[in-house]
Amino acid sequence: MNEKEAKRVRRDRIALLIAVVCVIAVLVTGAATTNQDTVQESFWALVPPIIAIALALVTKEVYSSLFIGILSGAMLYSGFSFEGTLTHTFQDGVISVLSDSYNVGILVFLVILGIMVAMMNRAGGSAAFGQWASRHIKTRAGAQFATIALGVLIFIDDYFNCLTVGSVMRPVTDKHQVSRAKLAYLIDATAAPVCIIAPISSWAAAVSGFVEGKNGIALFVQTIPYNYYALLTIAMMIMLVALNVDYGPMALHEKNAIRGDLYTTPDRPYANESEKKVSAKGTVFDLVIPVAALVVCCVIGMIYTGGFFSGTDFVDAFAGSDASVGLVLGSFFGLVITIVIYLVRQVLSFKECMECVPEG
């Protein structure tokens, strides 16, 4: 470790120590001045997320920071009671969340999405699309705009958007020396913002289901012009790419990428991706059809749970759908269709398809 790195480590440790002391002081003060009934309606309700965000910025550790944020919230809620903190954290928190049928449904949906992405990669569909895009995209800006465009097209779900766009566009952006950090930004700034303003999406179905006494979808559509986060995020992303402007750490990542270092940091995520086994028979068809099947099946699954096939009109059925059940049904049938297509086309064997399950 050189002197510069040693200074950085010492600085980070001091900052972490100060942060921990501040957290303890805030929690002790909050526990002494609040109780279970008032903490939800006061400033102290904002303290746990502030702690989580601050620790994440200081330590660069997201999961541990989130857990400490949850723990601090439980401390405040229980009046700094040790037993109450453990009860609220695990019994009322972790166990309760994992036993909720809606959360379990979304978890199963995400698992199936991971399997589908692994299968499309193994079938060579993602690689074939990347090769096709490479022949038509000639510039760094073009690679970035293509990433944005693909993200907009996959609007059905933000998680599936991230998984698919990342695996498909990574070879293209690597070829045109776009940093991995910039690729991650483009994917993240497209996935959720597009999904939360798309009337036909898992987000729209979930949000509209919470509205009582009104047409949830109609209300959702009316709120789109006021979704400033999504609209401004998309606008800023397009502006940065069009003007070729980067600032802060991103500017360093992009400068290093042009020089040949796509990562800048010591970590090398997906560096060995090209070494994975990929079918030589894969075509663009093996990516487009599974994605289209997933989108169509998920929409059908959601309107099915909303009573569309029992006489309810499309809008009301979508607004009244159970997103967790509908998405699981849709993704399952999308996965089945994908497997059948790959088997019929002899792109993958059944054994290879099953090998993608634990990988996904």
Protein backbone atom coordinates (compact mmCIF):
# COMPACT_ATOMS: atom_id res chain seq x y z
CA MET A 1 0.00 0.00 0.00
CA ASN A 2 1.52 3.32 -1.07
CA GLU A 3 1.40 6.52 0.99
CA LYS A 4 -1.55 7.95 -0.96
CA GLU A 5 -3.67 4.85 -0.38
CA ALA A 6 -2.68 4.77 3.30
CA LYS A 7 -3.84 8.37 3.73
CA ARG A 8 -7.12 7.56 2.03
CA VAL A 9 -7.68 4.56 4.32
CA ARG A 10 -6.94 6.65 7.41
CA ARG A 11 -9.29 9.38 6.18
CA ASP A 12 -12.05 6.85 5.56
CA ARG A 13 -11.58 5.32 9.00
CA ILE A 14 -11.77 8.71 10.69
CA ALA A 15 -14.89 9.60 8.71
CA LEU A 16 -16.45 6.24 9.63
CA LEU A 17 -15.64 6.75 13.32
CA ILE A 18 -17.20 10.21 13.26
CA ALA A 19 -20.25 8.83 11.47
CA VAL A 20 -20.68 6.04 14.05
CA VAL A 21 -20.37 8.50 16.95
CA CYS A 22 -22.94 10.80 15.32
CA VAL A 23 -25.29 7.86 14.73
CA ILE A 24 -25.09 6.77 18.38
CA ALA A 25 -25.60 10.34 19.60
CA VAL A 26 -28.60 10.85 17.34
CA LEU A 27 -30.18 7.55 18.34
CA VAL A 28 -29.70 8.16 22.06
CA THR A 29 -31.20 11.63 21.72
CA GLY A 30 -34.08 10.29 19.65
CA ALA A 31 -34.81 7.47 22.05
CA ALA A 32 -34.92 9.90 24.96
CA THR A 33 -37.28 12.33 23.27
CA THR A 34 -39.61 10.07 21.29
CA ASN A 35 -41.80 7.06 21.79
CA GLN A 36 -43.40 4.43 19.59
CA ASP A 37 -46.50 6.53 18.93
CA THR A 38 -44.77 9.76 17.93
CA VAL A 39 -41.67 8.60 16.06
CA GLN A 40 -43.67 7.99 12.87
CA GLU A 41 -45.01 11.54 12.85
CA SER A 42 -41.83 13.45 13.65
CA PHE A 43 -38.43 14.33 12.27
CA TRP A 44 -37.02 11.15 13.80
CA ALA A 45 -38.76 9.08 11.14
CA LEU A 46 -36.27 10.54 8.64
CA VAL A 47 -33.21 9.66 10.71
CA PRO A 48 -32.86 5.95 9.70
CA PRO A 49 -32.78 6.61 5.92
CA ILE A 50 -30.40 9.54 6.47
CA ILE A 51 -28.10 7.26 8.48
CA ALA A 52 -28.24 4.54 5.81
CA ILE A 53 -27.45 6.96 2.97
CA ALA A 54 -24.65 8.70 4.91
CA LEU A 55 -22.99 5.42 5.87
CA ALA A 56 -23.26 4.12 2.30
CA LEU A 57 -21.49 7.23 1.02
CA VAL A 58 -18.76 7.01 3.65
CA THR A 59 -18.12 3.26 3.73
CA LYS A 60 -19.10 2.39 0.13
CA GLU A 61 -20.87 -0.66 1.65
CA VAL A 62 -24.55 -0.63 0.67
CA TYR A 63 -25.89 -3.76 2.39
CA SER A 64 -24.33 -3.14 5.80
CA SER A 65 -25.42 0.51 5.65
CA LEU A 66 -29.00 -0.49 4.87
CA PHE A 67 -29.00 -2.96 7.75
CA ILE A 68 -27.67 -0.34 10.17
CA GLY A 69 -30.39 2.03 8.93
CA ILE A 70 -33.02 -0.64 9.64
CA LEU A 71 -31.49 -1.32 13.04
CA SER A 72 -31.50 2.38 13.93
CA GLY A 73 -35.16 2.64 12.98
CA ALA A 74 -35.98 -0.33 15.20
CA MET A 75 -34.04 1.30 18.06
CA LEU A 76 -36.02 4.52 17.76
CA TYR A 77 -39.32 2.70 17.40
CA SER A 78 -38.66 0.57 20.50
CA GLY A 79 -37.38 3.45 22.65
CA PHE A 80 -33.84 2.02 22.59
CA SER A 81 -35.02 -1.23 24.16
CA PHE A 82 -32.65 -4.10 23.35
CA GLU A 83 -35.41 -6.70 23.25
CA GLY A 84 -37.73 -4.38 21.32
CA THR A 85 -35.02 -3.60 18.78
CA LEU A 86 -34.44 -7.29 18.03
CA THR A 87 -38.17 -7.97 17.85
CA HIS A 88 -38.89 -5.09 15.46
CA THR A 89 -35.85 -5.89 13.30
CA PHE A 90 -36.36 -9.60 12.81
CA GLN A 91 -39.87 -10.64 13.81
CA ASP A 92 -41.74 -7.55 12.59
CA GLY A 93 -39.19 -6.81 9.88
CA VAL A 94 -37.28 -9.59 8.15
CA ILE A 95 -39.61 -12.49 8.94
CA SER A 96 -42.76 -10.46 8.30
CA VAL A 97 -41.49 -9.20 4.95
CA LEU A 98 -40.35 -12.63 3.79
CA SER A 99 -43.67 -14.20 4.78
CA ASP A 100 -45.74 -11.64 2.86
CA SER A 101 -47.24 -13.26 -0.24
CA TYR A 102 -46.78 -10.15 -2.38
CA ASN A 103 -43.07 -9.91 -1.57
CA VAL A 104 -42.57 -13.64 -2.15
CA GLY A 105 -44.32 -13.33 -5.52
CA ILE A 106 -42.01 -10.51 -6.61
CA LEU A 107 -39.01 -12.54 -5.41
CA VAL A 108 -40.10 -15.55 -7.50
CA PHE A 109 -40.64 -13.22 -10.47
CA LEU A 110 -37.08 -11.89 -10.14
CA VAL A 111 -35.68 -15.42 -9.91
CA ILE A 112 -37.46 -16.39 -13.15
CA LEU A 113 -36.14 -13.23 -14.82
CA GLY A 114 -32.61 -14.18 -13.82
CA ILE A 115 -33.10 -17.66 -15.29
CA MET A 116 -34.41 -16.21 -18.55
CA VAL A 117 -31.47 -13.82 -18.87
CA ALA A 118 -28.99 -16.65 -18.18
CA MET A 119 -30.76 -18.79 -20.78
CA MET A 120 -30.74 -16.05 -23.43
CA ASN A 121 -27.04 -15.50 -22.80
CA ARG A 122 -26.30 -19.24 -23.03
CA ALA A 123 -28.35 -19.53 -26.23
CA GLY A 124 -26.23 -16.82 -27.82
CA GLY A 125 -29.14 -14.44 -28.36
CA SER A 126 -27.53 -11.62 -26.39
CA ALA A 127 -24.20 -12.11 -28.16
CA ALA A 128 -25.88 -12.22 -31.58
CA PHE A 129 -27.73 -8.99 -30.88
CA GLY A 130 -24.50 -7.41 -29.67
CA GLN A 131 -22.73 -8.43 -32.88
CA TRP A 132 -25.60 -7.10 -34.97
CA ALA A 133 -25.55 -3.82 -33.08
CA SER A 134 -21.77 -3.55 -33.40
CA ARG A 135 -22.04 -3.67 -37.20
CA HIS A 136 -24.52 -0.79 -37.22
CA ILE A 137 -23.19 1.38 -34.38
CA LYS A 138 -20.06 3.32 -35.31
CA THR A 139 -19.55 5.86 -32.48
CA ARG A 140 -19.42 6.08 -28.67
CA ALA A 141 -22.50 8.30 -28.69
CA GLY A 142 -24.30 5.78 -30.88
CA ALA A 143 -23.52 2.98 -28.42
CA GLN A 144 -24.88 5.05 -25.56
CA PHE A 145 -28.04 6.07 -27.43
CA ALA A 146 -28.61 2.42 -28.42
CA THR A 147 -28.41 1.47 -24.74
CA ILE A 148 -31.01 4.12 -23.92
CA ALA A 149 -33.27 3.02 -26.78
CA LEU A 150 -33.18 -0.64 -25.75
CA GLY A 151 -33.94 0.40 -22.18
CA VAL A 152 -36.99 2.33 -23.35
CA LEU A 153 -38.26 -0.65 -25.37
CA ILE A 154 -38.11 -3.01 -22.37
CA PHE A 155 -40.58 -1.03 -20.28
CA ILE A 156 -42.52 -3.91 -18.72
CA ASP A 157 -40.31 -4.15 -15.63
CA ASP A 158 -37.30 -2.24 -14.35
CA TYR A 159 -35.53 -5.34 -12.98
CA PHE A 160 -35.82 -7.22 -16.26
CA ASN A 161 -34.72 -4.03 -18.02
CA CYS A 162 -31.48 -3.88 -16.03
CA LEU A 163 -30.71 -7.58 -16.45
CA THR A 164 -31.39 -7.66 -20.19
CA VAL A 165 -29.93 -4.33 -21.32
CA GLY A 166 -26.78 -4.88 -19.31
CA SER A 167 -26.00 -8.30 -20.76
CA VAL A 168 -26.92 -7.27 -24.33
CA MET A 169 -25.21 -3.89 -24.57
CA ARG A 170 -22.08 -4.61 -22.56
CA PRO A 171 -20.08 -5.94 -25.55
CA VAL A 172 -21.19 -2.98 -27.68
CA THR A 173 -20.22 -0.31 -25.16
CA ASP A 174 -16.96 -2.13 -24.40
CA LYS A 175 -16.06 -2.05 -28.10
CA HIS A 176 -16.65 1.71 -28.25
CA GLN A 177 -14.74 2.35 -25.01
CA VAL A 178 -17.68 3.42 -22.87
CA SER A 179 -16.81 2.89 -19.22
CA ARG A 180 -18.68 0.30 -17.17
CA ALA A 181 -19.67 3.10 -14.79
CA LYS A 182 -21.29 5.05 -17.65
CA LEU A 183 -23.07 1.91 -18.87
CA ALA A 184 -24.41 1.32 -15.35
CA TYR A 185 -25.62 4.92 -15.19
CA LEU A 186 -27.40 4.69 -18.55
CA ILE A 187 -29.11 1.44 -17.57
CA ASP A 188 -30.16 2.67 -14.13
CA ALA A 189 -31.32 6.06 -15.44
CA THR A 190 -33.48 4.32 -18.05
CA ALA A 191 -34.92 1.28 -16.27
CA ALA A 192 -36.89 2.69 -13.33
CA PRO A 193 -37.76 6.10 -14.88
CA VAL A 194 -39.24 4.45 -17.99
CA CYS A 195 -41.08 1.80 -16.00
CA ILE A 196 -42.68 4.27 -13.58
CA ILE A 197 -44.16 6.37 -16.40
CA ALA A 198 -45.28 3.45 -18.61
CA PRO A 199 -49.03 2.76 -18.21
CA ILE A 200 -48.49 -0.92 -19.02
CA SER A 201 -45.79 -2.04 -16.60
CA SER A 202 -45.36 -3.92 -13.36
CA TRP A 203 -44.99 -0.59 -11.57
CA ALA A 204 -48.24 0.81 -12.96
CA ALA A 205 -50.11 -2.35 -12.01
CA ALA A 206 -48.74 -2.31 -8.48
CA VAL A 207 -49.34 1.41 -7.86
CA SER A 208 -52.82 1.50 -9.38
CA GLY A 209 -53.84 -1.41 -7.18
CA PHE A 210 -53.42 0.73 -4.06
CA VAL A 211 -55.93 3.36 -5.23
CA GLU A 212 -59.42 2.87 -3.82
CA GLY A 213 -62.60 4.43 -5.15
CA LYS A 214 -61.04 5.59 -8.43
CA ASN A 215 -59.69 4.14 -11.65
CA GLY A 216 -56.07 3.48 -10.69
CA ILE A 217 -54.69 3.36 -14.23
CA ALA A 218 -56.46 6.59 -15.24
CA LEU A 219 -55.07 8.29 -12.14
CA PHE A 220 -51.62 6.88 -12.87
CA VAL A 221 -51.68 8.30 -16.41
CA GLN A 222 -52.76 11.69 -15.08
CA THR A 223 -49.76 11.79 -12.73
CA ILE A 224 -47.17 11.07 -15.45
CA PRO A 225 -46.56 14.78 -16.29
CA TYR A 226 -45.86 15.39 -12.59
CA ASN A 227 -43.34 12.58 -12.23
CA TYR A 228 -40.46 15.04 -12.30
CA TYR A 229 -37.82 12.56 -11.16
CA ALA A 230 -38.42 10.22 -14.09
CA LEU A 231 -38.81 12.92 -16.73
CA LEU A 232 -35.83 15.01 -15.60
CA THR A 233 -33.62 11.94 -15.21
CA ILE A 234 -34.33 10.83 -18.77
CA ALA A 235 -33.89 14.38 -20.12
CA MET A 236 -30.59 14.87 -18.31
CA MET A 237 -29.27 11.50 -19.47
CA ILE A 238 -30.06 12.29 -23.12
CA MET A 239 -28.52 15.76 -22.77
CA LEU A 240 -25.28 14.40 -21.27
CA VAL A 241 -24.89 11.85 -24.07
CA ALA A 242 -25.82 14.29 -26.85
CA LEU A 243 -23.44 16.99 -25.60
CA ASN A 244 -20.73 14.48 -24.62
CA VAL A 245 -20.51 16.02 -21.16
CA ASP A 246 -19.36 14.19 -18.04
CA TYR A 247 -18.41 15.58 -14.65
CA GLY A 248 -17.12 14.43 -11.29
CA PRO A 249 -15.98 10.81 -10.94
CA MET A 250 -17.81 9.88 -14.15
CA ALA A 251 -15.48 12.14 -16.13
CA LEU A 252 -12.51 10.19 -14.74
CA HIS A 253 -14.15 6.86 -15.61
CA GLU A 254 -14.82 7.99 -19.17
CA LYS A 255 -11.33 9.42 -19.62
CA ASN A 256 -9.79 6.14 -18.46
CA ALA A 257 -12.15 4.14 -20.69
CA ILE A 258 -10.96 6.02 -23.76
CA ARG A 259 -7.41 5.12 -22.74
CA GLY A 260 -8.37 1.45 -22.50
CA ASP A 261 -9.33 1.01 -18.83
CA LEU A 262 -13.08 0.37 -18.75
CA TYR A 263 -13.20 -0.09 -14.98
CA THR A 264 -10.91 2.47 -13.27
CA THR A 265 -11.48 0.64 -9.97
CA PRO A 266 -9.63 -2.58 -9.01
CA ASP A 267 -12.86 -4.56 -9.32
CA ARG A 268 -13.45 -6.21 -12.69
CA PRO A 269 -17.14 -7.21 -12.83
CA TYR A 270 -18.04 -9.44 -15.79
CA ALA A 271 -14.42 -9.38 -16.96
CA ASN A 272 -14.56 -13.13 -17.70
CA GLU A 273 -18.00 -13.02 -19.30
CA SER A 274 -16.59 -13.91 -22.73
CA GLU A 275 -15.20 -17.18 -21.32
CA LYS A 276 -18.68 -18.56 -20.56
CA LYS A 277 -20.11 -21.26 -22.79
CA VAL A 278 -22.36 -19.77 -25.50
CA SER A 279 -24.23 -21.59 -28.26
CA ALA A 280 -22.85 -20.95 -31.74
CA LYS A 281 -26.36 -21.33 -33.22
CA GLY A 282 -27.78 -18.27 -31.48
CA THR A 283 -29.35 -15.46 -33.51
CA VAL A 284 -31.07 -12.15 -32.76
CA PHE A 285 -34.31 -14.14 -32.93
CA ASP A 286 -33.24 -15.96 -29.74
CA LEU A 287 -33.26 -12.68 -27.84
CA VAL A 288 -36.20 -10.84 -29.40
CA ILE A 289 -38.77 -13.64 -29.19
CA PRO A 290 -38.19 -14.49 -25.50
CA VAL A 291 -38.35 -10.80 -24.54
CA ALA A 292 -41.54 -10.30 -26.57
CA ALA A 293 -43.04 -13.48 -25.09
CA LEU A 294 -42.25 -12.29 -21.58
CA VAL A 295 -43.83 -8.87 -22.13
CA VAL A 296 -47.00 -10.31 -23.68
CA CYS A 297 -47.35 -13.08 -21.09
CA CYS A 298 -46.83 -10.67 -18.18
CA VAL A 299 -49.53 -8.34 -19.49
CA ILE A 300 -51.90 -11.29 -19.96
CA GLY A 301 -51.03 -12.58 -16.50
CA MET A 302 -51.80 -9.23 -14.87
CA ILE A 303 -55.14 -8.71 -16.61
CA TYR A 304 -56.03 -12.33 -15.82
CA THR A 305 -55.67 -11.65 -12.09
CA GLY A 306 -57.76 -8.50 -12.57
CA GLY A 307 -60.71 -10.46 -13.98
CA PHE A 308 -60.35 -9.61 -17.67
CA PHE A 309 -61.40 -13.09 -18.77
CA SER A 310 -64.43 -12.89 -16.48
CA GLY A 311 -65.87 -9.85 -18.23
CA THR A 312 -63.94 -6.92 -16.73
CA ASP A 313 -62.68 -4.42 -19.31
CA PHE A 314 -58.94 -4.16 -19.98
CA VAL A 315 -58.28 -0.91 -18.09
CA ASP A 316 -60.17 -1.96 -14.95
CA ALA A 317 -58.65 -5.45 -15.07
CA PHE A 318 -55.13 -4.04 -15.30
CA ALA A 319 -55.80 -1.52 -12.54
CA GLY A 320 -57.25 -4.21 -10.28
CA SER A 321 -54.63 -6.85 -11.01
CA ASP A 322 -52.43 -8.55 -8.45
CA ALA A 323 -48.99 -7.69 -9.82
CA SER A 324 -47.12 -10.30 -7.81
CA VAL A 325 -49.31 -13.19 -9.01
CA GLY A 326 -49.71 -11.87 -12.56
CA LEU A 327 -45.99 -11.32 -13.06
CA VAL A 328 -45.15 -14.77 -11.72
CA LEU A 329 -47.68 -16.41 -14.05
CA GLY A 330 -46.53 -14.33 -17.03
CA SER A 331 -42.82 -14.87 -16.43
CA PHE A 332 -43.37 -18.61 -15.92
CA PHE A 333 -45.16 -19.01 -19.25
CA GLY A 334 -42.57 -16.75 -20.89
CA LEU A 335 -39.86 -19.07 -19.56
CA VAL A 336 -41.70 -22.15 -20.83
CA ILE A 337 -42.10 -20.60 -24.29
CA THR A 338 -38.41 -19.71 -24.33
CA ILE A 339 -37.36 -23.26 -23.44
CA VAL A 340 -39.65 -24.73 -26.11
CA ILE A 341 -38.26 -22.36 -28.77
CA TYR A 342 -34.67 -23.21 -27.89
CA LEU A 343 -35.39 -26.95 -27.90
CA VAL A 344 -37.25 -26.84 -31.24
CA ARG A 345 -34.48 -24.78 -32.84
CA GLN A 346 -31.86 -27.02 -31.18
CA VAL A 347 -30.05 -23.97 -29.86
CA LEU A 348 -29.86 -25.52 -26.38
CA SER A 349 -30.48 -29.00 -25.05
CA PHE A 350 -32.88 -29.56 -22.16
CA LYS A 351 -29.89 -30.24 -19.89
CA GLU A 352 -28.31 -26.91 -20.85
CA CYS A 353 -31.60 -25.13 -20.17
CA MET A 354 -31.73 -26.67 -16.70
CA GLU A 355 -28.12 -25.66 -16.04
CA CYS A 356 -29.25 -22.04 -16.44
CA VAL A 357 -31.65 -22.36 -13.49
CA PRO A 358 -29.05 -22.18 -10.67
CA GLU A 359 -26.97 -19.75 -12.74
CA GLY A 360 -29.94 -17.39 -13.05
